[in-house]
Amino acid sequence: MVDKQLMDQMEKVLGRLSIPVAILDKDGENGIPGEAPLPLHDLTDGVCQSLGGRLYLPVKQPGVVLACHEGIPGARDVLTLAEALLTSLGSNETHTESGFDVYRRMLRGEVAGAELEAAAHEHQLPENLKRCVMVFHIVQTEKERAFELLHDLTPLQEKDVLIDMDRHTAALIKDVTDVETSDELMQFAEALQETLMGETAHQMTVGIGGTRTTLDEIRNSYQEAKRAIEVGRIFQPESSIYVYSRLIFERFLMELPQDISAYYHNLLFNRKTARLFNEEMLYTIEMFFKKDLNLSDTARQLYIHRNTLVYRLDKVQRQTGLDLRHFEDAVTFKLLMELKKCGGDRLLTK
């Protein structure tokens, strides 16, 4: 069975010829639509044969049969030309797919060391180049895979490679030679998200790994991109683009054992403080942190009087001993509060 993408490319090539040429499946009992099917698999590769007023020419690579009306002048020459074009196209496709397979196996950790070096040399893969991996995850896939949805939408540079990883995931090995900051990668991801939403109505989550310069290190960037999504979804559920290098604090918290996380979270958040830390108070504190501990900006954002905000912060200080207007106390509170997200089922209720 010929790959659909390759079939589309072949049809575009044959569409430019002066004589209509049909592409038939060599492995099936197919023929010209509306006519009796023919046993095409019995035909000899590379030999133009006449059957029922038509010429048939089997092409071994990529495994199809070309057909056209026998009575058209120059029909045999056109089929011979078409055979050469498709043989070249099929050969290029095989090489590309093999290169993709090397990248896919490398990202999965199935090939490394001398074997990877030999494969890279065989398929002419660049071994030393500044690259990072971006992981694209699309949950709401139905018939199409994530790769198929992104294939024609993703703007690729010459050395960028988009890899099909599984039904919901595609990985972009991106050349970042001319990329200076992760902000540029985020802008790229945002633009692709908007395009995907506009064209297919699908939402996408993106993880961005760190930059690597050698081929065997790319897998590390891939693992980082996947980890960025895992951690980001827990600590920043309101976002959909996560950069591994910007999640240092969150990654640190995720490394703590769950029982330790639960213990320290419960030092501040327990039955005694449950009434204090209601939904309104927690929202006030989170906004205070987002506004960099600025009282006026926070009060303005919350549409409350500045004195009301001061009263709430004073209340927290009286009951917990932490003055959130001071940086060190704010850091302590933030740390203990975020531990809830990685404490699992072991959070205490003392």
Protein backbone atom coordinates (compact mmCIF):
# COMPACT_ATOMS: atom_id res chain seq x y z
CA MET A 1 0.00 0.00 0.00
CA VAL A 2 1.55 3.29 -1.08
CA ASP A 3 1.72 6.07 1.51
CA LYS A 4 -1.03 8.67 0.95
CA GLN A 5 1.42 11.57 1.02
CA LEU A 6 3.61 9.87 -1.60
CA MET A 7 0.52 9.08 -3.71
CA ASP A 8 -0.49 12.75 -3.65
CA GLN A 9 2.99 13.75 -4.79
CA MET A 10 2.91 11.21 -7.65
CA GLU A 11 -0.48 12.44 -8.84
CA LYS A 12 0.84 16.02 -8.91
CA VAL A 13 3.83 14.92 -11.01
CA LEU A 14 1.72 12.94 -13.50
CA GLY A 15 -0.80 15.76 -13.74
CA ARG A 16 1.82 17.82 -15.59
CA LEU A 17 2.20 15.27 -18.43
CA SER A 18 0.60 15.79 -21.84
CA ILE A 19 -1.28 12.45 -21.71
CA PRO A 20 -3.60 11.41 -18.84
CA VAL A 21 -1.87 8.68 -16.84
CA ALA A 22 -3.64 6.71 -14.09
CA ILE A 23 -1.93 5.29 -10.99
CA LEU A 24 -3.18 1.86 -9.96
CA ASP A 25 -2.46 -0.33 -6.95
CA LYS A 26 -0.19 -3.18 -7.99
CA ASP A 27 -1.12 -5.34 -5.01
CA GLY A 28 -4.87 -5.23 -5.64
CA GLU A 29 -7.20 -6.57 -8.32
CA ASN A 30 -7.64 -3.04 -9.59
CA GLY A 31 -8.17 -1.48 -12.98
CA ILE A 32 -9.62 1.61 -14.59
CA PRO A 33 -12.81 2.72 -12.75
CA GLY A 34 -15.94 1.36 -14.43
CA GLU A 35 -14.10 -1.48 -16.18
CA ALA A 36 -13.43 -5.11 -15.23
CA PRO A 37 -10.56 -5.44 -12.75
CA LEU A 38 -7.24 -6.87 -13.90
CA PRO A 39 -4.70 -9.00 -11.97
CA LEU A 40 -2.06 -6.29 -11.92
CA HIS A 41 0.26 -8.21 -9.61
CA ASP A 42 1.00 -10.64 -12.49
CA LEU A 43 2.50 -7.92 -14.66
CA THR A 44 6.27 -7.72 -15.07
CA ASP A 45 8.03 -4.70 -13.53
CA GLY A 46 9.46 -2.27 -16.04
CA VAL A 47 7.75 -3.84 -19.03
CA CYS A 48 5.03 -1.93 -20.90
CA GLN A 49 2.18 -4.32 -21.70
CA SER A 50 -1.02 -3.97 -23.69
CA LEU A 51 -4.30 -5.21 -22.19
CA GLY A 52 -7.78 -4.40 -23.46
CA GLY A 53 -6.77 -1.33 -25.42
CA ARG A 54 -4.67 0.15 -22.63
CA LEU A 55 -0.98 0.21 -21.82
CA TYR A 56 0.16 -0.87 -18.36
CA LEU A 57 3.63 -0.26 -16.97
CA PRO A 58 4.44 -1.61 -13.46
CA VAL A 59 6.86 0.53 -11.43
CA LYS A 60 8.75 -1.55 -8.85
CA GLN A 61 9.58 1.45 -6.69
CA PRO A 62 7.18 2.78 -5.32
CA GLY A 63 5.10 -0.29 -6.18
CA VAL A 64 2.36 1.02 -8.50
CA VAL A 65 1.14 0.44 -12.07
CA LEU A 66 0.83 3.24 -14.61
CA ALA A 67 -1.91 3.06 -17.21
CA CYS A 68 -3.07 5.08 -20.21
CA HIS A 69 -4.99 4.63 -23.51
CA GLU A 70 -2.93 2.67 -26.03
CA GLY A 71 -4.17 4.57 -29.06
CA ILE A 72 -2.77 7.97 -28.03
CA PRO A 73 0.35 8.92 -30.04
CA GLY A 74 3.46 8.80 -27.90
CA ALA A 75 1.73 6.88 -25.11
CA ARG A 76 4.61 4.44 -24.56
CA ASP A 77 7.16 7.27 -24.36
CA VAL A 78 5.00 9.13 -21.82
CA LEU A 79 4.66 6.02 -19.65
CA THR A 80 8.44 5.48 -19.79
CA LEU A 81 8.99 9.08 -18.72
CA ALA A 82 6.40 8.74 -15.96
CA GLU A 83 8.13 5.57 -14.74
CA ALA A 84 11.46 7.38 -14.42
CA LEU A 85 9.87 10.27 -12.55
CA LEU A 86 8.06 8.03 -10.06
CA THR A 87 11.08 5.80 -9.53
CA SER A 88 13.11 8.86 -8.57
CA LEU A 89 10.33 10.18 -6.35
CA GLY A 90 9.88 6.83 -4.62
CA SER A 91 13.61 6.52 -4.02
CA ASN A 92 13.76 9.97 -2.43
CA GLU A 93 10.77 9.19 -0.23
CA THR A 94 12.39 5.98 1.00
CA HIS A 95 15.54 7.85 1.94
CA THR A 96 13.57 10.54 3.76
CA GLU A 97 11.50 8.02 5.68
CA SER A 98 14.65 6.18 6.69
CA GLY A 99 16.11 9.43 8.00
CA PHE A 100 12.92 10.08 9.94
CA ASP A 101 13.13 6.59 11.38
CA VAL A 102 16.66 7.25 12.64
CA TYR A 103 15.53 10.43 14.37
CA ARG A 104 12.50 8.68 15.87
CA ARG A 105 14.57 5.77 17.19
CA MET A 106 17.14 8.21 18.54
CA LEU A 107 14.51 10.22 20.45
CA ARG A 108 13.13 7.00 21.91
CA GLY A 109 16.59 5.88 23.01
CA GLU A 110 16.63 2.89 20.65
CA VAL A 111 19.83 3.89 18.84
CA ALA A 112 22.93 5.62 20.23
CA GLY A 113 26.71 5.68 20.13
CA ALA A 114 28.48 4.08 17.17
CA GLU A 115 25.20 2.81 15.68
CA LEU A 116 23.75 6.32 15.67
CA GLU A 117 26.93 7.72 14.17
CA ALA A 118 26.83 5.15 11.36
CA ALA A 119 23.14 5.82 10.68
CA ALA A 120 23.73 9.57 10.64
CA HIS A 121 26.55 9.13 8.13
CA GLU A 122 24.42 6.83 5.94
CA HIS A 123 21.47 9.23 5.82
CA GLN A 124 23.59 12.41 5.86
CA LEU A 125 22.10 13.74 9.09
CA PRO A 126 23.90 16.80 10.50
CA GLU A 127 25.83 15.67 13.58
CA ASN A 128 26.91 19.05 14.97
CA LEU A 129 24.26 21.73 14.93
CA LYS A 130 22.49 23.88 17.52
CA ARG A 131 19.10 22.24 17.93
CA CYS A 132 16.31 21.88 20.42
CA VAL A 133 13.26 19.64 20.49
CA MET A 134 9.71 20.95 20.67
CA VAL A 135 7.05 18.40 21.60
CA PHE A 136 3.55 18.99 20.26
CA HIS A 137 0.74 17.15 22.05
CA ILE A 138 -2.81 17.10 20.67
CA VAL A 139 -5.33 15.13 22.69
CA GLN A 140 -8.49 15.55 20.61
CA THR A 141 -7.27 13.57 17.61
CA GLU A 142 -9.92 11.43 15.94
CA LYS A 143 -8.99 10.01 12.56
CA GLU A 144 -5.83 12.04 12.00
CA ARG A 145 -2.63 11.74 13.95
CA ALA A 146 -1.00 14.80 15.50
CA PHE A 147 1.75 14.62 12.87
CA GLU A 148 -0.80 14.66 10.04
CA LEU A 149 -2.52 17.71 11.50
CA LEU A 150 0.77 19.60 11.81
CA HIS A 151 2.58 18.41 8.70
CA ASP A 152 1.35 21.12 6.33
CA LEU A 153 0.95 23.83 8.98
CA THR A 154 4.40 23.87 10.58
CA PRO A 155 6.86 26.31 8.97
CA LEU A 156 10.14 24.40 8.66
CA GLN A 157 13.61 25.67 7.95
CA GLU A 158 16.00 23.64 5.81
CA LYS A 159 17.41 21.60 8.71
CA ASP A 160 14.22 21.32 10.79
CA VAL A 161 12.67 17.86 11.06
CA LEU A 162 9.10 17.06 12.16
CA ILE A 163 8.79 13.52 13.56
CA ASP A 164 5.68 11.39 14.09
CA MET A 165 6.05 9.93 17.61
CA ASP A 166 2.58 8.52 18.37
CA ARG A 167 -1.09 9.25 17.68
CA HIS A 168 -1.19 12.32 19.91
CA THR A 169 2.42 13.50 19.72
CA ALA A 170 4.81 14.96 17.17
CA ALA A 171 8.34 16.21 17.83
CA LEU A 172 10.07 19.04 16.00
CA ILE A 173 13.87 18.89 15.97
CA LYS A 174 14.48 22.57 15.30
CA ASP A 175 17.59 24.31 14.11
CA VAL A 176 18.14 27.17 16.58
CA THR A 177 21.39 28.50 15.15
CA ASP A 178 19.85 31.94 14.66
CA VAL A 179 17.58 31.82 17.73
CA GLU A 180 18.84 33.96 20.60
CA THR A 181 16.26 33.46 23.36
CA SER A 182 13.50 31.06 24.37
CA ASP A 183 11.04 33.92 23.79
CA GLU A 184 11.47 33.40 20.04
CA LEU A 185 10.63 29.71 20.41
CA MET A 186 7.55 30.58 22.46
CA GLN A 187 6.43 33.01 19.77
CA PHE A 188 6.91 30.28 17.18
CA ALA A 189 4.82 27.88 19.29
CA GLU A 190 2.10 30.49 19.85
CA ALA A 191 1.86 31.21 16.12
CA LEU A 192 1.60 27.48 15.35
CA GLN A 193 -1.08 27.06 18.02
CA GLU A 194 -3.14 29.86 16.49
CA THR A 195 -2.75 28.42 13.00
CA LEU A 196 -3.75 24.94 14.17
CA MET A 197 -6.79 26.29 15.99
CA GLY A 198 -7.83 28.35 12.99
CA GLU A 199 -7.39 25.53 10.47
CA THR A 200 -8.53 22.48 12.46
CA ALA A 201 -10.11 23.77 15.73
CA HIS A 202 -7.67 21.56 17.66
CA GLN A 203 -5.88 22.73 20.80
CA MET A 204 -2.24 21.88 21.34
CA THR A 205 0.16 21.73 24.27
CA VAL A 206 3.84 22.48 23.61
CA GLY A 207 6.95 21.53 25.56
CA ILE A 208 10.32 23.09 24.68
CA GLY A 209 13.57 21.39 25.63
CA GLY A 210 17.04 22.85 26.00
CA THR A 211 19.55 23.50 23.22
CA ARG A 212 22.00 20.74 22.24
CA THR A 213 24.86 20.79 19.72
CA THR A 214 25.52 17.10 19.02
CA LEU A 215 23.22 14.49 17.53
CA ASP A 216 23.40 12.05 20.44
CA GLU A 217 22.34 14.81 22.87
CA ILE A 218 19.08 15.61 21.09
CA ARG A 219 17.27 12.91 23.05
CA ASN A 220 18.01 14.87 26.25
CA SER A 221 16.21 17.88 24.78
CA TYR A 222 13.30 15.62 23.83
CA GLN A 223 13.06 14.27 27.39
CA GLU A 224 13.19 17.83 28.73
CA ALA A 225 10.37 18.93 26.43
CA LYS A 226 8.18 16.05 27.61
CA ARG A 227 9.04 16.79 31.24
CA ALA A 228 8.19 20.46 30.73
CA ILE A 229 4.67 19.45 29.69
CA GLU A 230 4.29 17.09 32.65
CA VAL A 231 5.43 19.66 35.20
CA GLY A 232 3.81 22.66 33.51
CA ARG A 233 0.37 21.07 33.44
CA ILE A 234 0.54 20.61 37.22
CA PHE A 235 1.84 24.02 38.24
CA GLN A 236 0.62 26.22 35.38
CA PRO A 237 -2.62 24.66 34.10
CA GLU A 238 -3.73 27.99 32.68
CA SER A 239 -0.85 27.87 30.15
CA SER A 240 -0.24 25.57 27.20
CA ILE A 241 3.40 26.32 26.28
CA TYR A 242 6.07 25.19 28.72
CA VAL A 243 9.81 25.87 28.53
CA TYR A 244 11.95 23.43 30.49
CA SER A 245 14.55 26.02 31.45
CA ARG A 246 11.86 28.27 32.97
CA LEU A 247 10.46 25.61 35.29
CA ILE A 248 13.40 25.27 37.68
CA PHE A 249 11.37 25.97 40.82
CA GLU A 250 8.56 23.65 39.77
CA ARG A 251 10.95 20.86 38.76
CA PHE A 252 12.65 21.12 42.13
CA LEU A 253 9.34 20.69 43.92
CA MET A 254 8.48 17.67 41.79
CA GLU A 255 11.72 15.99 42.85
CA LEU A 256 10.70 16.03 46.52
CA PRO A 257 9.18 12.83 47.93
CA GLN A 258 5.41 13.08 48.27
CA ASP A 259 5.42 12.48 52.03
CA ILE A 260 7.93 15.32 52.52
CA SER A 261 5.86 17.64 50.33
CA ALA A 262 2.70 16.80 52.25
CA TYR A 263 4.38 17.30 55.62
CA TYR A 264 5.72 20.77 54.90
CA HIS A 265 2.56 21.90 53.12
CA ASN A 266 0.56 20.90 56.18
CA LEU A 267 2.72 23.07 58.45
CA LEU A 268 0.93 26.09 57.04
CA PHE A 269 -2.24 24.71 55.48
CA ASN A 270 -4.19 22.66 57.99
CA ARG A 271 -7.50 22.62 59.87
CA LYS A 272 -6.45 25.53 62.06
CA THR A 273 -5.86 27.82 59.07
CA ALA A 274 -8.64 26.47 56.85
CA ARG A 275 -10.97 29.42 57.55
CA LEU A 276 -8.18 31.93 57.02
CA PHE A 277 -7.13 30.56 53.66
CA ASN A 278 -10.50 30.58 51.97
CA GLU A 279 -10.86 31.04 48.22
CA GLU A 280 -10.95 34.85 48.42
CA MET A 281 -7.83 35.06 50.59
CA LEU A 282 -5.83 32.68 48.39
CA TYR A 283 -6.83 34.59 45.27
CA THR A 284 -5.74 37.83 46.94
CA ILE A 285 -2.36 36.38 47.86
CA GLU A 286 -1.77 34.88 44.41
CA MET A 287 -2.54 38.23 42.80
CA PHE A 288 -0.20 39.95 45.28
CA PHE A 289 2.58 37.61 44.16
CA LYS A 290 1.80 38.16 40.47
CA LYS A 291 2.09 41.91 41.03
CA ASP A 292 5.55 41.47 42.59
CA LEU A 293 4.35 42.34 46.13
CA ASN A 294 3.13 45.74 44.99
CA LEU A 295 0.22 46.84 47.20
CA SER A 296 -1.19 49.52 44.91
CA ASP A 297 -1.09 47.42 41.74
CA THR A 298 -2.66 44.45 43.51
CA ALA A 299 -5.48 46.49 45.04
CA ARG A 300 -6.18 48.05 41.67
CA GLN A 301 -6.30 44.65 39.98
CA LEU A 302 -8.65 43.27 42.65
CA TYR A 303 -10.86 46.37 42.61
CA ILE A 304 -10.47 46.79 46.38
CA HIS A 305 -9.19 49.61 48.57
CA ARG A 306 -5.51 49.50 49.42
CA ASN A 307 -6.38 49.40 53.13
CA THR A 308 -8.53 46.30 52.54
CA LEU A 309 -5.55 44.54 51.05
CA VAL A 310 -3.34 45.61 53.96
CA TYR A 311 -5.96 44.30 56.39
CA ARG A 312 -5.94 40.88 54.71
CA LEU A 313 -2.16 40.66 54.74
CA ASP A 314 -2.08 41.71 58.40
CA LYS A 315 -4.55 38.93 59.15
CA VAL A 316 -2.24 36.36 57.56
CA GLN A 317 0.70 37.72 59.54
CA ARG A 318 -1.16 37.52 62.86
CA GLN A 319 -2.21 33.90 62.38
CA THR A 320 0.87 32.47 60.66
CA GLY A 321 3.74 34.79 61.56
CA LEU A 322 4.51 35.38 57.87
CA ASP A 323 4.48 38.95 56.57
CA LEU A 324 3.95 38.50 52.86
CA ARG A 325 5.13 42.05 52.18
CA HIS A 326 8.64 40.83 52.99
CA PHE A 327 10.38 38.85 50.28
CA GLU A 328 11.67 35.98 52.44
CA ASP A 329 8.26 35.37 54.03
CA ALA A 330 6.60 35.56 50.63
CA VAL A 331 9.01 32.94 49.27
CA THR A 332 8.31 30.66 52.22
CA PHE A 333 4.56 30.98 51.76
CA LYS A 334 4.81 30.41 48.00
CA LEU A 335 6.92 27.31 48.49
CA LEU A 336 4.61 25.74 51.05
CA MET A 337 1.53 26.59 49.02
CA GLU A 338 2.91 25.07 45.80
CA LEU A 339 3.80 21.84 47.60
CA LYS A 340 0.10 20.98 47.52
CA LYS A 341 0.39 20.30 43.80
CA CYS A 342 2.96 17.55 44.25
CA GLY A 343 1.88 16.06 47.59
CA GLY A 344 -0.49 13.55 46.04
CA ASP A 345 -2.82 11.69 48.38
CA ARG A 346 -0.60 12.20 51.39
CA LEU A 347 -1.68 15.74 52.25
CA LEU A 348 -2.54 15.84 55.93
CA THR A 349 -5.55 17.45 57.57
CA LYS A 350 -4.38 17.99 61.11
